[in-house]
Amino acid sequence: MNINDIQLQIQTNPLISKQLERRPKKAVFSDAAKKAWLDLENRLEDSPLKEATQALNKHHQIK
């Protein structure tokens, strides 16, 4: 078997077009989830985790 020719087919950045088609996901919290996050925030001492929990609760308008 003699091979005289090799042909390459290249597809560049196939993910970009798929990423443009996607819409950002929106998290939806149930009432139970909102209560759980608020309870967690109230139990935590001052820390970066508590700050992150407060930001999450504020973002989802839990308070």
PDB file of N, CA and C in Angstrom:
ATOM      1  N   MET A   1       0.850  -1.170   0.000  1.00  0.00           N
ATOM      2  CA  MET A   1       0.000   0.000   0.000  1.00  0.00           C
ATOM      3  C   MET A   1       0.895   1.231   0.000  1.00  0.00           C
ATOM      4  N   ASN A   2       0.732   2.066  -0.981  1.00  0.00           N
ATOM      5  CA  ASN A   2       1.459   3.328  -1.061  1.00  0.00           C
ATOM      6  C   ASN A   2       0.512   4.476  -0.734  1.00  0.00           C
ATOM      7  N   ILE A   3       0.990   5.366   0.118  1.00  0.00           N
ATOM      8  CA  ILE A   3       0.205   6.561   0.458  1.00  0.00           C
ATOM      9  C   ILE A   3       0.919   7.751  -0.154  1.00  0.00           C
ATOM     10  N   ASN A   4       0.235   8.446  -1.031  1.00  0.00           N
ATOM     11  CA  ASN A   4       0.826   9.596  -1.710  1.00  0.00           C
ATOM     12  C   ASN A   4       0.220  10.919  -1.264  1.00  0.00           C
ATOM     13  N   ASP A   5      -0.953  10.872  -0.703  1.00  0.00           N
ATOM     14  CA  ASP A   5      -1.660  12.098  -0.352  1.00  0.00           C
ATOM     15  C   ASP A   5      -2.346  11.946   0.999  1.00  0.00           C
ATOM     16  N   ILE A   6      -2.294  13.012   1.799  1.00  0.00           N
ATOM     17  CA  ILE A   6      -3.041  13.076   3.059  1.00  0.00           C
ATOM     18  C   ILE A   6      -3.819  14.376   3.037  1.00  0.00           C
ATOM     19  N   GLN A   7      -5.103  14.284   3.282  1.00  0.00           N
ATOM     20  CA  GLN A   7      -5.946  15.471   3.296  1.00  0.00           C
ATOM     21  C   GLN A   7      -6.496  15.657   4.704  1.00  0.00           C
ATOM     22  N   LEU A   8      -6.285  16.848   5.268  1.00  0.00           N
ATOM     23  CA  LEU A   8      -6.768  17.172   6.598  1.00  0.00           C
ATOM     24  C   LEU A   8      -7.982  18.084   6.488  1.00  0.00           C
ATOM     25  N   GLN A   9      -8.947  17.827   7.321  1.00  0.00           N
ATOM     26  CA  GLN A   9     -10.107  18.707   7.410  1.00  0.00           C
ATOM     27  C   GLN A   9     -10.154  19.246   8.827  1.00  0.00           C
ATOM     28  N   ILE A  10     -10.147  20.564   8.945  1.00  0.00           N
ATOM     29  CA  ILE A  10     -10.077  21.196  10.251  1.00  0.00           C
ATOM     30  C   ILE A  10     -11.283  22.096  10.442  1.00  0.00           C
ATOM     31  N   GLN A  11     -11.890  21.990  11.619  1.00  0.00           N
ATOM     32  CA  GLN A  11     -12.996  22.876  11.980  1.00  0.00           C
ATOM     33  C   GLN A  11     -12.505  23.739  13.134  1.00  0.00           C
ATOM     34  N   THR A  12     -12.508  25.044  12.954  1.00  0.00           N
ATOM     35  CA  THR A  12     -11.986  25.935  13.986  1.00  0.00           C
ATOM     36  C   THR A  12     -13.110  26.455  14.871  1.00  0.00           C
ATOM     37  N   ASN A  13     -12.853  26.482  16.149  1.00  0.00           N
ATOM     38  CA  ASN A  13     -13.771  27.027  17.152  1.00  0.00           C
ATOM     39  C   ASN A  13     -15.228  26.618  16.958  1.00  0.00           C
ATOM     40  N   PRO A  14     -15.536  25.355  16.985  1.00  0.00           N
ATOM     41  CA  PRO A  14     -16.928  24.952  16.791  1.00  0.00           C
ATOM     42  C   PRO A  14     -17.837  25.363  17.943  1.00  0.00           C
ATOM     43  N   LEU A  15     -17.253  25.642  19.118  1.00  0.00           N
ATOM     44  CA  LEU A  15     -18.083  25.959  20.279  1.00  0.00           C
ATOM     45  C   LEU A  15     -18.620  27.385  20.263  1.00  0.00           C
ATOM     46  N   ILE A  16     -17.954  28.280  19.575  1.00  0.00           N
ATOM     47  CA  ILE A  16     -18.375  29.685  19.613  1.00  0.00           C
ATOM     48  C   ILE A  16     -19.806  29.844  19.098  1.00  0.00           C
ATOM     49  N   SER A  17     -20.130  29.237  17.984  1.00  0.00           N
ATOM     50  CA  SER A  17     -21.479  29.385  17.455  1.00  0.00           C
ATOM     51  C   SER A  17     -22.511  28.771  18.394  1.00  0.00           C
ATOM     52  N   LYS A  18     -22.168  27.669  19.040  1.00  0.00           N
ATOM     53  CA  LYS A  18     -23.101  27.050  19.977  1.00  0.00           C
ATOM     54  C   LYS A  18     -23.257  27.910  21.224  1.00  0.00           C
ATOM     55  N   GLN A  19     -22.176  28.547  21.664  1.00  0.00           N
ATOM     56  CA  GLN A  19     -22.254  29.391  22.848  1.00  0.00           C
ATOM     57  C   GLN A  19     -23.103  30.624  22.594  1.00  0.00           C
ATOM     58  N   LEU A  20     -23.058  31.158  21.378  1.00  0.00           N
ATOM     59  CA  LEU A  20     -23.863  32.330  21.055  1.00  0.00           C
ATOM     60  C   LEU A  20     -25.349  32.004  21.043  1.00  0.00           C
ATOM     61  N   GLU A  21     -25.690  30.775  20.723  1.00  0.00           N
ATOM     62  CA  GLU A  21     -27.086  30.367  20.664  1.00  0.00           C
ATOM     63  C   GLU A  21     -27.697  30.185  22.045  1.00  0.00           C
ATOM     64  N   ARG A  22     -26.874  29.897  23.030  1.00  0.00           N
ATOM     65  CA  ARG A  22     -27.375  29.642  24.384  1.00  0.00           C
ATOM     66  C   ARG A  22     -27.783  30.938  25.067  1.00  0.00           C
ATOM     67  N   ARG A  23     -28.810  30.835  25.832  1.00  0.00           N
ATOM     68  CA  ARG A  23     -29.220  31.951  26.670  1.00  0.00           C
ATOM     69  C   ARG A  23     -28.742  31.653  28.089  1.00  0.00           C
ATOM     70  N   PRO A  24     -28.411  32.686  28.845  1.00  0.00           N
ATOM     71  CA  PRO A  24     -27.966  32.434  30.218  1.00  0.00           C
ATOM     72  C   PRO A  24     -29.069  31.751  31.026  1.00  0.00           C
ATOM     73  N   LYS A  25     -28.671  30.819  31.846  1.00  0.00           N
ATOM     74  CA  LYS A  25     -29.643  30.130  32.690  1.00  0.00           C
ATOM     75  C   LYS A  25     -30.027  31.025  33.866  1.00  0.00           C
ATOM     76  N   LYS A  26     -31.256  30.936  34.250  1.00  0.00           N
ATOM     77  CA  LYS A  26     -31.728  31.684  35.408  1.00  0.00           C
ATOM     78  C   LYS A  26     -32.078  30.687  36.505  1.00  0.00           C
ATOM     79  N   ALA A  27     -31.460  30.878  37.656  1.00  0.00           N
ATOM     80  CA  ALA A  27     -31.750  30.002  38.785  1.00  0.00           C
ATOM     81  C   ALA A  27     -33.091  30.416  39.387  1.00  0.00           C
ATOM     82  N   VAL A  28     -33.902  29.445  39.658  1.00  0.00           N
ATOM     83  CA  VAL A  28     -35.197  29.693  40.291  1.00  0.00           C
ATOM     84  C   VAL A  28     -35.201  28.942  41.605  1.00  0.00           C
ATOM     85  N   PHE A  29     -35.363  29.686  42.684  1.00  0.00           N
ATOM     86  CA  PHE A  29     -35.378  29.071  44.006  1.00  0.00           C
ATOM     87  C   PHE A  29     -36.816  28.835  44.445  1.00  0.00           C
ATOM     88  N   SER A  30     -37.059  27.655  44.962  1.00  0.00           N
ATOM     89  CA  SER A  30     -38.365  27.386  45.565  1.00  0.00           C
ATOM     90  C   SER A  30     -38.422  28.113  46.909  1.00  0.00           C
ATOM     91  N   ASP A  31     -39.604  28.172  47.502  1.00  0.00           N
ATOM     92  CA  ASP A  31     -39.742  28.810  48.817  1.00  0.00           C
ATOM     93  C   ASP A  31     -38.894  28.083  49.854  1.00  0.00           C
ATOM     94  N   ALA A  32     -38.826  26.764  49.760  1.00  0.00           N
ATOM     95  CA  ALA A  32     -38.015  25.986  50.705  1.00  0.00           C
ATOM     96  C   ALA A  32     -36.526  26.316  50.538  1.00  0.00           C
ATOM     97  N   ALA A  33     -36.085  26.472  49.302  1.00  0.00           N
ATOM     98  CA  ALA A  33     -34.677  26.808  49.060  1.00  0.00           C
ATOM     99  C   ALA A  33     -34.366  28.202  49.592  1.00  0.00           C
ATOM    100  N   LYS A  34     -35.262  29.147  49.371  1.00  0.00           N
ATOM    101  CA  LYS A  34     -35.054  30.504  49.880  1.00  0.00           C
ATOM    102  C   LYS A  34     -34.939  30.499  51.401  1.00  0.00           C
ATOM    103  N   LYS A  35     -35.815  29.738  52.047  1.00  0.00           N
ATOM    104  CA  LYS A  35     -35.783  29.658  53.510  1.00  0.00           C
ATOM    105  C   LYS A  35     -34.487  29.026  53.982  1.00  0.00           C
ATOM    106  N   ALA A  36     -34.038  27.987  53.300  1.00  0.00           N
ATOM    107  CA  ALA A  36     -32.807  27.298  53.690  1.00  0.00           C
ATOM    108  C   ALA A  36     -31.598  28.225  53.576  1.00  0.00           C
ATOM    109  N   TRP A  37     -31.514  29.000  52.490  1.00  0.00           N
ATOM    110  CA  TRP A  37     -30.390  29.924  52.328  1.00  0.00           C
ATOM    111  C   TRP A  37     -30.424  31.022  53.387  1.00  0.00           C
ATOM    112  N   LEU A  38     -31.618  31.525  53.700  1.00  0.00           N
ATOM    113  CA  LEU A  38     -31.747  32.555  54.722  1.00  0.00           C
ATOM    114  C   LEU A  38     -31.382  31.998  56.098  1.00  0.00           C
ATOM    115  N   ASP A  39     -31.828  30.790  56.404  1.00  0.00           N
ATOM    116  CA  ASP A  39     -31.477  30.154  57.680  1.00  0.00           C
ATOM    117  C   ASP A  39     -29.968  29.954  57.786  1.00  0.00           C
ATOM    118  N   LEU A  40     -29.343  29.537  56.674  1.00  0.00           N
ATOM    119  CA  LEU A  40     -27.891  29.348  56.681  1.00  0.00           C
ATOM    120  C   LEU A  40     -27.192  30.675  56.955  1.00  0.00           C
ATOM    121  N   GLU A  41     -27.633  31.720  56.297  1.00  0.00           N
ATOM    122  CA  GLU A  41     -27.019  33.034  56.511  1.00  0.00           C
ATOM    123  C   GLU A  41     -27.121  33.458  57.972  1.00  0.00           C
ATOM    124  N   ASN A  42     -28.262  33.215  58.585  1.00  0.00           N
ATOM    125  CA  ASN A  42     -28.465  33.621  59.976  1.00  0.00           C
ATOM    126  C   ASN A  42     -27.622  32.809  60.957  1.00  0.00           C
ATOM    127  N   ARG A  43     -27.254  31.589  60.580  1.00  0.00           N
ATOM    128  CA  ARG A  43     -26.457  30.736  61.474  1.00  0.00           C
ATOM    129  C   ARG A  43     -24.951  30.967  61.349  1.00  0.00           C
ATOM    130  N   LEU A  44     -24.513  31.571  60.262  1.00  0.00           N
ATOM    131  CA  LEU A  44     -23.080  31.736  60.029  1.00  0.00           C
ATOM    132  C   LEU A  44     -22.522  32.925  60.795  1.00  0.00           C
ATOM    133  N   GLU A  45     -21.269  32.772  61.245  1.00  0.00           N
ATOM    134  CA  GLU A  45     -20.551  33.900  61.831  1.00  0.00           C
ATOM    135  C   GLU A  45     -20.007  34.745  60.685  1.00  0.00           C
ATOM    136  N   ASP A  46     -19.579  35.972  60.994  1.00  0.00           N
ATOM    137  CA  ASP A  46     -19.022  36.832  59.949  1.00  0.00           C
ATOM    138  C   ASP A  46     -17.844  36.137  59.279  1.00  0.00           C
ATOM    139  N   SER A  47     -17.954  35.979  57.978  1.00  0.00           N
ATOM    140  CA  SER A  47     -16.928  35.290  57.204  1.00  0.00           C
ATOM    141  C   SER A  47     -17.193  35.542  55.726  1.00  0.00           C
ATOM    142  N   PRO A  48     -16.239  35.187  54.867  1.00  0.00           N
ATOM    143  CA  PRO A  48     -16.490  35.306  53.429  1.00  0.00           C
ATOM    144  C   PRO A  48     -17.688  34.467  52.974  1.00  0.00           C
ATOM    145  N   LEU A  49     -17.906  33.320  53.638  1.00  0.00           N
ATOM    146  CA  LEU A  49     -19.051  32.485  53.279  1.00  0.00           C
ATOM    147  C   LEU A  49     -20.359  33.197  53.604  1.00  0.00           C
ATOM    148  N   LYS A  50     -20.403  33.862  54.749  1.00  0.00           N
ATOM    149  CA  LYS A  50     -21.620  34.604  55.110  1.00  0.00           C
ATOM    150  C   LYS A  50     -21.851  35.753  54.131  1.00  0.00           C
ATOM    151  N   GLU A  51     -20.787  36.434  53.730  1.00  0.00           N
ATOM    152  CA  GLU A  51     -20.912  37.523  52.753  1.00  0.00           C
ATOM    153  C   GLU A  51     -21.446  36.989  51.420  1.00  0.00           C
ATOM    154  N   ALA A  52     -20.947  35.831  51.001  1.00  0.00           N
ATOM    155  CA  ALA A  52     -21.413  35.230  49.747  1.00  0.00           C
ATOM    156  C   ALA A  52     -22.882  34.834  49.858  1.00  0.00           C
ATOM    157  N   THR A  53     -23.274  34.310  51.006  1.00  0.00           N
ATOM    158  CA  THR A  53     -24.665  33.915  51.229  1.00  0.00           C
ATOM    159  C   THR A  53     -25.572  35.144  51.237  1.00  0.00           C
ATOM    160  N   GLN A  54     -25.099  36.236  51.860  1.00  0.00           N
ATOM    161  CA  GLN A  54     -25.879  37.476  51.856  1.00  0.00           C
ATOM    162  C   GLN A  54     -26.055  38.000  50.432  1.00  0.00           C
ATOM    163  N   ALA A  55     -24.989  37.936  49.639  1.00  0.00           N
ATOM    164  CA  ALA A  55     -25.070  38.401  48.250  1.00  0.00           C
ATOM    165  C   ALA A  55     -26.048  37.547  47.454  1.00  0.00           C
ATOM    166  N   LEU A  56     -26.010  36.231  47.669  1.00  0.00           N
ATOM    167  CA  LEU A  56     -26.927  35.338  46.966  1.00  0.00           C
ATOM    168  C   LEU A  56     -28.371  35.642  47.360  1.00  0.00           C
ATOM    169  N   ASN A  57     -28.596  35.824  48.656  1.00  0.00           N
ATOM    170  CA  ASN A  57     -29.954  36.134  49.132  1.00  0.00           C
ATOM    171  C   ASN A  57     -30.434  37.479  48.589  1.00  0.00           C
ATOM    172  N   LYS A  58     -29.532  38.444  48.547  1.00  0.00           N
ATOM    173  CA  LYS A  58     -29.906  39.756  48.013  1.00  0.00           C
ATOM    174  C   LYS A  58     -30.222  39.652  46.517  1.00  0.00           C
ATOM    175  N   HIS A  59     -29.394  38.894  45.804  1.00  0.00           N
ATOM    176  CA  HIS A  59     -29.604  38.738  44.359  1.00  0.00           C
ATOM    177  C   HIS A  59     -30.952  38.098  44.059  1.00  0.00           C
ATOM    178  N   HIS A  60     -31.339  37.144  44.880  1.00  0.00           N
ATOM    179  CA  HIS A  60     -32.620  36.448  44.670  1.00  0.00           C
ATOM    180  C   HIS A  60     -33.743  37.097  45.468  1.00  0.00           C
ATOM    181  N   GLN A  61     -33.471  38.262  46.037  1.00  0.00           N
ATOM    182  CA  GLN A  61     -34.444  39.046  46.786  1.00  0.00           C
ATOM    183  C   GLN A  61     -35.152  38.224  47.834  1.00  0.00           C
ATOM    184  N   ILE A  62     -34.343  37.512  48.610  1.00  0.00           N
ATOM    185  CA  ILE A  62     -34.910  36.655  49.652  1.00  0.00           C
ATOM    186  C   ILE A  62     -35.269  37.492  50.881  1.00  0.00           C
ATOM    187  N   LYS A  63     -34.519  38.536  51.117  1.00  0.00           N
ATOM    188  CA  LYS A  63     -34.821  39.362  52.291  1.00  0.00           C
ATOM    189  C   LYS A  63     -35.819  40.437  51.958  1.00  0.00           C
TER     190      LYS A  63
END
